[in-house]
Amino acid sequence: MPRDTLTKDQIVKAAIALMDSEGLEGLSTRVLGTRLGSAATAIYWHVGSKDNLVALAADSAWGEIAMPDLKVIDWRDAARRMATGLHAMLGRHLWLVQAFGSQMVYGPGKARYDDHGLAVFELAGFHGARADRAAATLFIFVLGHALGAAAAASFARKLERDSNAAQTMRDGMAKAREIAAQFPRLRTRLETAAADYAAGPDRSFEFGLDAILDGLAAQLTARPSRRR
């Protein structure tokens, strides 16, 4: 695709699709150029750099999250919708979890999410630093929950590059089970889904989200906010 017909939006969409399948480490302007039928130089001309392309892709991903209307729902429902929307988005784009640890990925999309999150907690009765802490607590919980899936996906891609992947996985899991079997509580869970690599118990996201929202609601009851 010639430079004059290639658009930034096309490049960003193609980069997202590539990273969704190959991870952050799989993003290459050469591969991207092949997918778009264009030279790598044309891609650089539109987006400037690989880091800038990741930032643009991240901002597009943030834009997928719907912002709840605070005029028609209460703060707790709004917080739940934003958390589940973020969790779903990160599940679709696990490379974004990787990107948080390697570069700045802050743009209008994340700013929009952050600002609305603060509005949710101000609606609840948190103000100033308390609203910041409430929003950060929820965000860090969702991000942390997504780390397991991102780690599992990255590990799976690594195994795909291993010519003896199946045996490597069997050996690794056998060693992990041998270690876990030395601890009584882990030993009783070896046959459950939680024993899978980077996995957690069923509905652990919902359980944790409820616990956080219950705790925030309890803080409001114990220490009523002074509304301005």
C-alpha atoms as a PDB file:
ATOM      1  CA  MET A   1       0.000   0.000   0.000  1.00  0.00           C
ATOM      2  CA  PRO A   2       1.707   3.266  -1.100  1.00  0.00           C
ATOM      3  CA  ARG A   3       2.426   5.919   1.505  1.00  0.00           C
ATOM      4  CA  ASP A   4      -0.101   8.354   0.050  1.00  0.00           C
ATOM      5  CA  THR A   5      -2.969   5.846   0.387  1.00  0.00           C
ATOM      6  CA  LEU A   6      -1.923   4.377   3.743  1.00  0.00           C
ATOM      7  CA  THR A   7      -3.522   6.081   6.759  1.00  0.00           C
ATOM      8  CA  LYS A   8      -2.541   6.295  10.412  1.00  0.00           C
ATOM      9  CA  ASP A   9      -5.835   4.628  11.385  1.00  0.00           C
ATOM     10  CA  GLN A  10      -5.087   1.643   9.128  1.00  0.00           C
ATOM     11  CA  ILE A  11      -1.629   1.284  10.646  1.00  0.00           C
ATOM     12  CA  VAL A  12      -2.942   1.450  14.225  1.00  0.00           C
ATOM     13  CA  LYS A  13      -5.666  -1.135  13.554  1.00  0.00           C
ATOM     14  CA  ALA A  14      -3.149  -3.474  11.910  1.00  0.00           C
ATOM     15  CA  ALA A  15      -0.709  -3.006  14.802  1.00  0.00           C
ATOM     16  CA  ILE A  16      -3.429  -3.886  17.327  1.00  0.00           C
ATOM     17  CA  ALA A  17      -4.333  -7.043  15.411  1.00  0.00           C
ATOM     18  CA  LEU A  18      -0.660  -8.030  15.199  1.00  0.00           C
ATOM     19  CA  MET A  19      -0.031  -7.482  18.910  1.00  0.00           C
ATOM     20  CA  ASP A  20      -3.256  -9.258  19.851  1.00  0.00           C
ATOM     21  CA  SER A  21      -1.897 -12.385  18.188  1.00  0.00           C
ATOM     22  CA  GLU A  22       1.858 -12.018  18.710  1.00  0.00           C
ATOM     23  CA  GLY A  23       2.192  -9.879  21.830  1.00  0.00           C
ATOM     24  CA  LEU A  24       4.144  -6.681  22.306  1.00  0.00           C
ATOM     25  CA  GLU A  25       7.356  -8.460  21.372  1.00  0.00           C
ATOM     26  CA  GLY A  26       5.804  -9.467  18.045  1.00  0.00           C
ATOM     27  CA  LEU A  27       5.306  -5.914  16.809  1.00  0.00           C
ATOM     28  CA  SER A  28       7.613  -5.335  13.848  1.00  0.00           C
ATOM     29  CA  THR A  29       7.347  -2.665  11.177  1.00  0.00           C
ATOM     30  CA  ARG A  30       8.608  -5.241   8.689  1.00  0.00           C
ATOM     31  CA  VAL A  31       5.793  -7.673   9.508  1.00  0.00           C
ATOM     32  CA  LEU A  32       3.305  -4.824   9.730  1.00  0.00           C
ATOM     33  CA  GLY A  33       4.435  -3.541   6.343  1.00  0.00           C
ATOM     34  CA  THR A  34       3.924  -7.001   4.835  1.00  0.00           C
ATOM     35  CA  ARG A  35       0.391  -7.154   6.236  1.00  0.00           C
ATOM     36  CA  LEU A  36      -0.403  -3.716   4.865  1.00  0.00           C
ATOM     37  CA  GLY A  37       1.432  -4.184   1.580  1.00  0.00           C
ATOM     38  CA  SER A  38       3.649  -1.228   2.365  1.00  0.00           C
ATOM     39  CA  ALA A  39       7.266  -0.436   3.153  1.00  0.00           C
ATOM     40  CA  ALA A  40       8.380   0.011   6.760  1.00  0.00           C
ATOM     41  CA  THR A  41       9.526   3.536   5.884  1.00  0.00           C
ATOM     42  CA  ALA A  42       5.942   4.466   4.989  1.00  0.00           C
ATOM     43  CA  ILE A  43       4.759   3.270   8.401  1.00  0.00           C
ATOM     44  CA  TYR A  44       7.408   5.359  10.152  1.00  0.00           C
ATOM     45  CA  TRP A  45       6.394   8.354   8.070  1.00  0.00           C
ATOM     46  CA  HIS A  46       2.845   8.126   9.483  1.00  0.00           C
ATOM     47  CA  VAL A  47       3.514   7.177  13.124  1.00  0.00           C
ATOM     48  CA  GLY A  48       7.027   8.397  13.813  1.00  0.00           C
ATOM     49  CA  SER A  49       8.409   5.486  15.837  1.00  0.00           C
ATOM     50  CA  LYS A  50       7.557   2.039  17.136  1.00  0.00           C
ATOM     51  CA  ASP A  51       7.021   3.408  20.654  1.00  0.00           C
ATOM     52  CA  ASN A  52       4.663   6.043  19.325  1.00  0.00           C
ATOM     53  CA  LEU A  53       2.753   3.358  17.420  1.00  0.00           C
ATOM     54  CA  VAL A  54       2.295   1.358  20.647  1.00  0.00           C
ATOM     55  CA  ALA A  55       1.059   4.523  22.374  1.00  0.00           C
ATOM     56  CA  LEU A  56      -1.439   5.173  19.562  1.00  0.00           C
ATOM     57  CA  ALA A  57      -2.628   1.549  19.682  1.00  0.00           C
ATOM     58  CA  ALA A  58      -3.009   1.732  23.457  1.00  0.00           C
ATOM     59  CA  ASP A  59      -5.061   4.909  23.218  1.00  0.00           C
ATOM     60  CA  SER A  60      -7.339   3.277  20.679  1.00  0.00           C
ATOM     61  CA  ALA A  61      -7.825   0.304  23.027  1.00  0.00           C
ATOM     62  CA  TRP A  62      -8.765   2.589  25.933  1.00  0.00           C
ATOM     63  CA  GLY A  63     -11.410   4.125  23.705  1.00  0.00           C
ATOM     64  CA  GLU A  64     -13.224   0.767  23.567  1.00  0.00           C
ATOM     65  CA  ILE A  65     -14.392   1.104  27.178  1.00  0.00           C
ATOM     66  CA  ALA A  66     -17.896   2.553  27.540  1.00  0.00           C
ATOM     67  CA  MET A  67     -18.294   5.286  30.137  1.00  0.00           C
ATOM     68  CA  PRO A  68     -21.450   4.804  32.279  1.00  0.00           C
ATOM     69  CA  ASP A  69     -23.900   7.697  32.512  1.00  0.00           C
ATOM     70  CA  LEU A  70     -23.632   8.935  36.094  1.00  0.00           C
ATOM     71  CA  LYS A  71     -27.015  10.616  35.842  1.00  0.00           C
ATOM     72  CA  VAL A  72     -28.879   7.320  35.604  1.00  0.00           C
ATOM     73  CA  ILE A  73     -26.915   4.799  37.748  1.00  0.00           C
ATOM     74  CA  ASP A  74     -25.383   4.854  41.218  1.00  0.00           C
ATOM     75  CA  TRP A  75     -21.671   5.037  41.912  1.00  0.00           C
ATOM     76  CA  ARG A  76     -21.251   1.362  42.759  1.00  0.00           C
ATOM     77  CA  ASP A  77     -22.861   0.150  39.537  1.00  0.00           C
ATOM     78  CA  ALA A  78     -20.808   2.713  37.601  1.00  0.00           C
ATOM     79  CA  ALA A  79     -17.563   1.577  39.265  1.00  0.00           C
ATOM     80  CA  ARG A  80     -18.415  -2.061  38.520  1.00  0.00           C
ATOM     81  CA  ARG A  81     -19.119  -1.299  34.863  1.00  0.00           C
ATOM     82  CA  MET A  82     -15.870   0.597  34.458  1.00  0.00           C
ATOM     83  CA  ALA A  83     -13.861  -2.155  36.160  1.00  0.00           C
ATOM     84  CA  THR A  84     -15.451  -4.935  34.112  1.00  0.00           C
ATOM     85  CA  GLY A  85     -15.067  -2.868  30.935  1.00  0.00           C
ATOM     86  CA  LEU A  86     -11.365  -2.396  31.659  1.00  0.00           C
ATOM     87  CA  HIS A  87     -10.966  -6.070  32.524  1.00  0.00           C
ATOM     88  CA  ALA A  88     -12.593  -7.117  29.247  1.00  0.00           C
ATOM     89  CA  MET A  89     -10.482  -4.673  27.225  1.00  0.00           C
ATOM     90  CA  LEU A  90      -7.243  -5.892  28.794  1.00  0.00           C
ATOM     91  CA  GLY A  91      -8.357  -9.463  28.122  1.00  0.00           C
ATOM     92  CA  ARG A  92      -8.693  -8.620  24.422  1.00  0.00           C
ATOM     93  CA  HIS A  93      -5.391  -6.738  24.302  1.00  0.00           C
ATOM     94  CA  LEU A  94      -3.013  -8.502  26.680  1.00  0.00           C
ATOM     95  CA  TRP A  95      -0.047  -6.696  25.080  1.00  0.00           C
ATOM     96  CA  LEU A  96      -1.259  -3.527  26.812  1.00  0.00           C
ATOM     97  CA  VAL A  97      -0.489  -5.135  30.179  1.00  0.00           C
ATOM     98  CA  GLN A  98       3.043  -5.763  28.890  1.00  0.00           C
ATOM     99  CA  ALA A  99       3.312  -2.175  27.651  1.00  0.00           C
ATOM    100  CA  PHE A 100       2.631  -0.728  31.112  1.00  0.00           C
ATOM    101  CA  GLY A 101       5.968  -2.100  32.268  1.00  0.00           C
ATOM    102  CA  SER A 102       8.058  -0.946  29.334  1.00  0.00           C
ATOM    103  CA  GLN A 103       6.926   2.478  28.156  1.00  0.00           C
ATOM    104  CA  MET A 104       4.616   5.434  28.653  1.00  0.00           C
ATOM    105  CA  VAL A 105       1.159   4.633  27.284  1.00  0.00           C
ATOM    106  CA  TYR A 106      -0.811   7.646  28.478  1.00  0.00           C
ATOM    107  CA  GLY A 107      -3.032   9.506  26.025  1.00  0.00           C
ATOM    108  CA  PRO A 108      -6.525  10.972  25.694  1.00  0.00           C
ATOM    109  CA  GLY A 109      -8.167   7.538  25.911  1.00  0.00           C
ATOM    110  CA  LYS A 110      -6.704   6.687  29.309  1.00  0.00           C
ATOM    111  CA  ALA A 111      -7.168  10.267  30.507  1.00  0.00           C
ATOM    112  CA  ARG A 112     -10.870   9.968  29.638  1.00  0.00           C
ATOM    113  CA  TYR A 113     -11.104   6.732  31.643  1.00  0.00           C
ATOM    114  CA  ASP A 114      -9.220   8.166  34.625  1.00  0.00           C
ATOM    115  CA  ASP A 115     -11.274  11.352  34.724  1.00  0.00           C
ATOM    116  CA  HIS A 116     -14.565   9.459  34.606  1.00  0.00           C
ATOM    117  CA  GLY A 117     -13.330   7.111  37.327  1.00  0.00           C
ATOM    118  CA  LEU A 118     -12.674  10.072  39.605  1.00  0.00           C
ATOM    119  CA  ALA A 119     -16.162  11.394  38.822  1.00  0.00           C
ATOM    120  CA  VAL A 120     -17.606   8.032  39.911  1.00  0.00           C
ATOM    121  CA  PHE A 121     -15.923   8.194  43.307  1.00  0.00           C
ATOM    122  CA  GLU A 122     -16.742  11.860  43.787  1.00  0.00           C
ATOM    123  CA  LEU A 123     -20.364  10.884  43.184  1.00  0.00           C
ATOM    124  CA  ALA A 124     -19.992   8.272  45.929  1.00  0.00           C
ATOM    125  CA  GLY A 125     -18.754  10.864  48.393  1.00  0.00           C
ATOM    126  CA  PHE A 126     -14.972  10.548  48.120  1.00  0.00           C
ATOM    127  CA  HIS A 127     -13.121  13.809  47.456  1.00  0.00           C
ATOM    128  CA  GLY A 128      -9.587  14.943  46.808  1.00  0.00           C
ATOM    129  CA  ALA A 129      -6.925  12.396  47.711  1.00  0.00           C
ATOM    130  CA  ARG A 130      -9.572   9.908  48.900  1.00  0.00           C
ATOM    131  CA  ALA A 131     -11.119   9.815  45.411  1.00  0.00           C
ATOM    132  CA  ASP A 132      -7.636   9.325  43.938  1.00  0.00           C
ATOM    133  CA  ARG A 133      -6.942   6.415  46.286  1.00  0.00           C
ATOM    134  CA  ALA A 134     -10.302   4.763  45.610  1.00  0.00           C
ATOM    135  CA  ALA A 135      -9.831   4.992  41.830  1.00  0.00           C
ATOM    136  CA  ALA A 136      -6.235   3.748  42.050  1.00  0.00           C
ATOM    137  CA  THR A 137      -7.224   0.791  44.239  1.00  0.00           C
ATOM    138  CA  LEU A 138      -9.778  -0.393  41.713  1.00  0.00           C
ATOM    139  CA  PHE A 139      -7.489   0.168  38.732  1.00  0.00           C
ATOM    140  CA  ILE A 140      -4.550  -1.678  40.299  1.00  0.00           C
ATOM    141  CA  PHE A 141      -6.804  -4.614  41.190  1.00  0.00           C
ATOM    142  CA  VAL A 142      -8.024  -4.971  37.588  1.00  0.00           C
ATOM    143  CA  LEU A 143      -4.519  -4.585  36.164  1.00  0.00           C
ATOM    144  CA  GLY A 144      -3.145  -7.138  38.604  1.00  0.00           C
ATOM    145  CA  HIS A 145      -5.872  -9.614  37.712  1.00  0.00           C
ATOM    146  CA  ALA A 146      -4.991  -9.244  34.017  1.00  0.00           C
ATOM    147  CA  LEU A 147      -1.320 -10.019  34.680  1.00  0.00           C
ATOM    148  CA  GLY A 148      -1.987 -13.741  34.999  1.00  0.00           C
ATOM    149  CA  ALA A 149      -3.582 -13.998  31.566  1.00  0.00           C
ATOM    150  CA  ALA A 150      -0.843 -11.832  30.034  1.00  0.00           C
ATOM    151  CA  ALA A 151       1.865 -14.019  31.579  1.00  0.00           C
ATOM    152  CA  ALA A 152       0.169 -17.196  30.358  1.00  0.00           C
ATOM    153  CA  ALA A 153      -0.159 -15.811  26.816  1.00  0.00           C
ATOM    154  CA  SER A 154       3.480 -14.705  26.764  1.00  0.00           C
ATOM    155  CA  PHE A 155       4.587 -18.112  28.027  1.00  0.00           C
ATOM    156  CA  ALA A 156       2.478 -19.866  25.394  1.00  0.00           C
ATOM    157  CA  ARG A 157       4.127 -17.807  22.633  1.00  0.00           C
ATOM    158  CA  LYS A 158       7.532 -18.671  24.032  1.00  0.00           C
ATOM    159  CA  LEU A 159       6.645 -22.371  23.931  1.00  0.00           C
ATOM    160  CA  GLU A 160       5.521 -22.018  20.303  1.00  0.00           C
ATOM    161  CA  ARG A 161       9.108 -21.064  19.444  1.00  0.00           C
ATOM    162  CA  ASP A 162      10.380 -24.169  21.240  1.00  0.00           C
ATOM    163  CA  SER A 163      10.724 -27.176  18.953  1.00  0.00           C
ATOM    164  CA  ASN A 164      10.154 -29.402  21.962  1.00  0.00           C
ATOM    165  CA  ALA A 165       7.349 -27.296  23.469  1.00  0.00           C
ATOM    166  CA  ALA A 166       5.087 -30.137  24.611  1.00  0.00           C
ATOM    167  CA  GLN A 167       7.862 -31.866  26.553  1.00  0.00           C
ATOM    168  CA  THR A 168       9.070 -28.554  27.974  1.00  0.00           C
ATOM    169  CA  MET A 169       5.574 -27.850  29.279  1.00  0.00           C
ATOM    170  CA  ARG A 170       5.170 -31.336  30.748  1.00  0.00           C
ATOM    171  CA  ASP A 171       8.528 -31.120  32.486  1.00  0.00           C
ATOM    172  CA  GLY A 172       7.773 -27.661  33.852  1.00  0.00           C
ATOM    173  CA  MET A 173       4.345 -28.619  35.185  1.00  0.00           C
ATOM    174  CA  ALA A 174       5.700 -31.824  36.727  1.00  0.00           C
ATOM    175  CA  LYS A 175       8.353 -29.837  38.563  1.00  0.00           C
ATOM    176  CA  ALA A 176       5.791 -27.265  39.707  1.00  0.00           C
ATOM    177  CA  ARG A 177       3.479 -29.999  41.009  1.00  0.00           C
ATOM    178  CA  GLU A 178       6.399 -31.646  42.823  1.00  0.00           C
ATOM    179  CA  ILE A 179       7.157 -28.370  44.603  1.00  0.00           C
ATOM    180  CA  ALA A 180       3.485 -27.631  45.410  1.00  0.00           C
ATOM    181  CA  ALA A 181       2.992 -31.137  46.814  1.00  0.00           C
ATOM    182  CA  GLN A 182       5.397 -30.266  49.655  1.00  0.00           C
ATOM    183  CA  PHE A 183       2.874 -27.756  51.043  1.00  0.00           C
ATOM    184  CA  PRO A 184      -0.384 -29.110  52.572  1.00  0.00           C
ATOM    185  CA  ARG A 185      -2.856 -26.524  51.288  1.00  0.00           C
ATOM    186  CA  LEU A 186      -1.375 -26.466  47.807  1.00  0.00           C
ATOM    187  CA  ARG A 187      -1.295 -30.266  47.726  1.00  0.00           C
ATOM    188  CA  THR A 188      -5.087 -30.437  48.211  1.00  0.00           C
ATOM    189  CA  ARG A 189      -5.563 -28.100  45.216  1.00  0.00           C
ATOM    190  CA  LEU A 190      -3.362 -29.831  42.675  1.00  0.00           C
ATOM    191  CA  GLU A 191      -6.330 -31.281  40.779  1.00  0.00           C
ATOM    192  CA  THR A 192      -8.241 -28.003  40.576  1.00  0.00           C
ATOM    193  CA  ALA A 193      -8.257 -25.309  37.867  1.00  0.00           C
ATOM    194  CA  ALA A 194      -6.302 -23.025  40.194  1.00  0.00           C
ATOM    195  CA  ALA A 195      -3.293 -25.321  39.751  1.00  0.00           C
ATOM    196  CA  ASP A 196      -2.936 -24.368  36.081  1.00  0.00           C
ATOM    197  CA  TYR A 197      -0.094 -22.023  35.178  1.00  0.00           C
ATOM    198  CA  ALA A 198      -0.936 -18.363  36.034  1.00  0.00           C
ATOM    199  CA  ALA A 199      -4.548 -19.354  36.733  1.00  0.00           C
ATOM    200  CA  GLY A 200      -6.797 -18.433  39.629  1.00  0.00           C
ATOM    201  CA  PRO A 201      -9.953 -19.844  41.217  1.00  0.00           C
ATOM    202  CA  ASP A 202     -13.207 -19.522  39.280  1.00  0.00           C
ATOM    203  CA  ARG A 203     -14.902 -16.124  39.610  1.00  0.00           C
ATOM    204  CA  SER A 204     -11.924 -14.673  41.463  1.00  0.00           C
ATOM    205  CA  PHE A 205     -12.318 -11.382  39.576  1.00  0.00           C
ATOM    206  CA  GLU A 206     -15.936 -11.005  40.668  1.00  0.00           C
ATOM    207  CA  PHE A 207     -15.042 -11.970  44.236  1.00  0.00           C
ATOM    208  CA  GLY A 208     -12.246  -9.408  44.429  1.00  0.00           C
ATOM    209  CA  LEU A 209     -14.307  -6.670  42.805  1.00  0.00           C
ATOM    210  CA  ASP A 210     -17.138  -7.193  45.289  1.00  0.00           C
ATOM    211  CA  ALA A 211     -14.663  -7.142  48.187  1.00  0.00           C
ATOM    212  CA  ILE A 212     -13.173  -3.824  47.043  1.00  0.00           C
ATOM    213  CA  LEU A 213     -16.538  -2.178  46.459  1.00  0.00           C
ATOM    214  CA  ASP A 214     -17.818  -3.467  49.816  1.00  0.00           C
ATOM    215  CA  GLY A 215     -14.746  -2.009  51.504  1.00  0.00           C
ATOM    216  CA  LEU A 216     -15.134   1.376  49.818  1.00  0.00           C
ATOM    217  CA  ALA A 217     -18.827   1.494  50.727  1.00  0.00           C
ATOM    218  CA  ALA A 218     -17.943   0.658  54.334  1.00  0.00           C
ATOM    219  CA  GLN A 219     -15.495   3.560  54.410  1.00  0.00           C
ATOM    220  CA  LEU A 220     -18.247   5.920  53.331  1.00  0.00           C
ATOM    221  CA  THR A 221     -20.508   4.650  56.120  1.00  0.00           C
ATOM    222  CA  ALA A 222     -17.815   4.806  58.779  1.00  0.00           C
ATOM    223  CA  ARG A 223     -16.555   8.232  57.769  1.00  0.00           C
ATOM    224  CA  PRO A 224     -19.201  10.248  55.953  1.00  0.00           C
ATOM    225  CA  SER A 225     -17.690  12.634  53.424  1.00  0.00           C
ATOM    226  CA  ARG A 226     -18.121  16.371  53.811  1.00  0.00           C
ATOM    227  CA  ARG A 227     -19.829  17.398  50.639  1.00  0.00           C
ATOM    228  CA  ARG A 228     -18.851  20.756  49.290  1.00  0.00           C
END
